[in-house]
Protein backbone atom coordinates (compact mmCIF):
# COMPACT_ATOMS: atom_id res chain seq x y z
CA MET A 1 -7.12 8.30 25.64
CA SER A 2 -6.90 5.20 23.47
CA VAL A 3 -5.45 5.16 19.98
CA LEU A 4 -8.13 5.21 17.31
CA ALA A 5 -5.99 4.62 14.22
CA GLU A 6 -2.85 2.63 13.57
CA LEU A 7 -0.18 3.82 11.11
CA ILE A 8 2.17 1.45 9.27
CA GLU A 9 5.14 2.68 7.22
CA GLN A 10 7.34 -0.01 5.77
CA GLU A 11 9.32 -1.10 2.71
CA PHE A 12 8.30 -4.41 1.14
CA THR A 13 10.30 -6.67 -1.15
CA GLU A 14 7.77 -9.51 -0.83
CA SER A 15 4.05 -9.58 -1.53
CA GLY A 16 1.60 -8.34 1.06
CA VAL A 17 -1.83 -6.85 1.53
CA PHE A 18 -3.40 -3.66 2.79
CA PRO A 19 -5.53 -5.02 5.67
CA LEU A 20 -9.30 -5.25 5.60
CA GLY A 21 -10.75 -2.04 7.03
CA PHE A 22 -7.90 0.34 6.20
CA LEU A 23 -8.85 4.03 6.03
CA TYR A 24 -6.04 5.47 3.89
CA ALA A 25 -3.09 3.96 2.04
CA SER A 26 -0.25 5.07 -0.17
CA VAL A 27 2.27 2.98 -2.05
CA LYS A 28 5.32 4.06 -4.06
CA ASN A 29 7.47 1.85 -6.22
CA VAL A 30 10.96 2.88 -5.09
CA GLY A 31 12.61 0.04 -6.99
CA THR A 32 13.69 -0.25 -10.61
CA THR A 33 11.15 -2.68 -12.08
CA THR A 34 7.36 -2.88 -12.40
CA ALA A 35 5.31 -3.96 -9.38
CA ILE A 36 1.67 -5.04 -9.09
CA VAL A 37 -0.78 -3.21 -6.79
CA ASN A 38 -4.38 -4.41 -6.62
CA GLY A 39 -3.91 -6.22 -9.94
CA LEU A 40 -2.54 -3.16 -11.78
CA GLU A 41 1.03 -2.42 -12.85
CA LEU A 42 2.92 0.26 -10.92
CA GLU A 43 6.01 1.38 -12.82
CA ALA A 44 9.27 2.28 -11.07
CA GLY A 45 8.95 5.75 -9.53
CA GLU A 46 5.14 5.80 -9.65
CA ALA A 47 2.85 6.07 -6.63
CA LYS A 48 -0.79 5.27 -5.90
CA ASP A 49 -3.07 6.49 -3.11
CA TYR A 50 -6.27 5.14 -1.64
CA PRO A 51 -7.69 8.35 -0.11
CA PHE A 52 -9.92 8.57 2.94
CA VAL A 53 -13.51 8.29 1.69
CA GLY A 54 -15.37 8.03 4.98
CA LYS A 55 -15.69 4.23 4.92
CA PRO A 56 -13.11 1.47 5.34
CA TYR A 57 -11.67 -0.32 2.30
CA PRO A 58 -11.61 -4.05 1.57
CA GLU A 59 -8.14 -5.59 1.58
CA LYS A 60 -5.98 -4.85 -1.46
CA PRO A 61 -3.01 -7.06 -2.42
CA PHE A 62 0.37 -5.85 -3.63
CA ASP A 63 3.39 -7.63 -5.07
CA PRO A 64 6.73 -5.86 -5.53
CA GLN A 65 7.87 -8.69 -7.83
CA ASP A 66 11.58 -7.81 -8.31
CA SER A 67 11.15 -4.26 -7.03
CA THR A 68 10.67 -2.51 -3.66
CA LEU A 69 7.47 -0.86 -2.47
CA TYR A 70 7.28 1.84 0.21
CA VAL A 71 3.88 1.44 1.87
CA MET A 72 2.02 3.71 4.28
CA CYS A 73 -1.34 2.56 5.61
CA VAL A 74 -3.77 3.86 8.24
CA TYR A 75 -6.29 1.43 9.67
């Protein structure tokens, strides 16, 4: 049986992007300063989810700035 979904779990200290076509994503700011996720501020300790909605998402950028982001993504 072939794998149908790919899971990524990683910490980022540099900017990145959730890939085009992802199905679910979660990001938590585990650092001490504000980060930017999809153009919005994510304060230290806060998290944001992109839940499964039955269709793939367009890519979404993130930038830890001077913080660290823990990212989980299924595509």
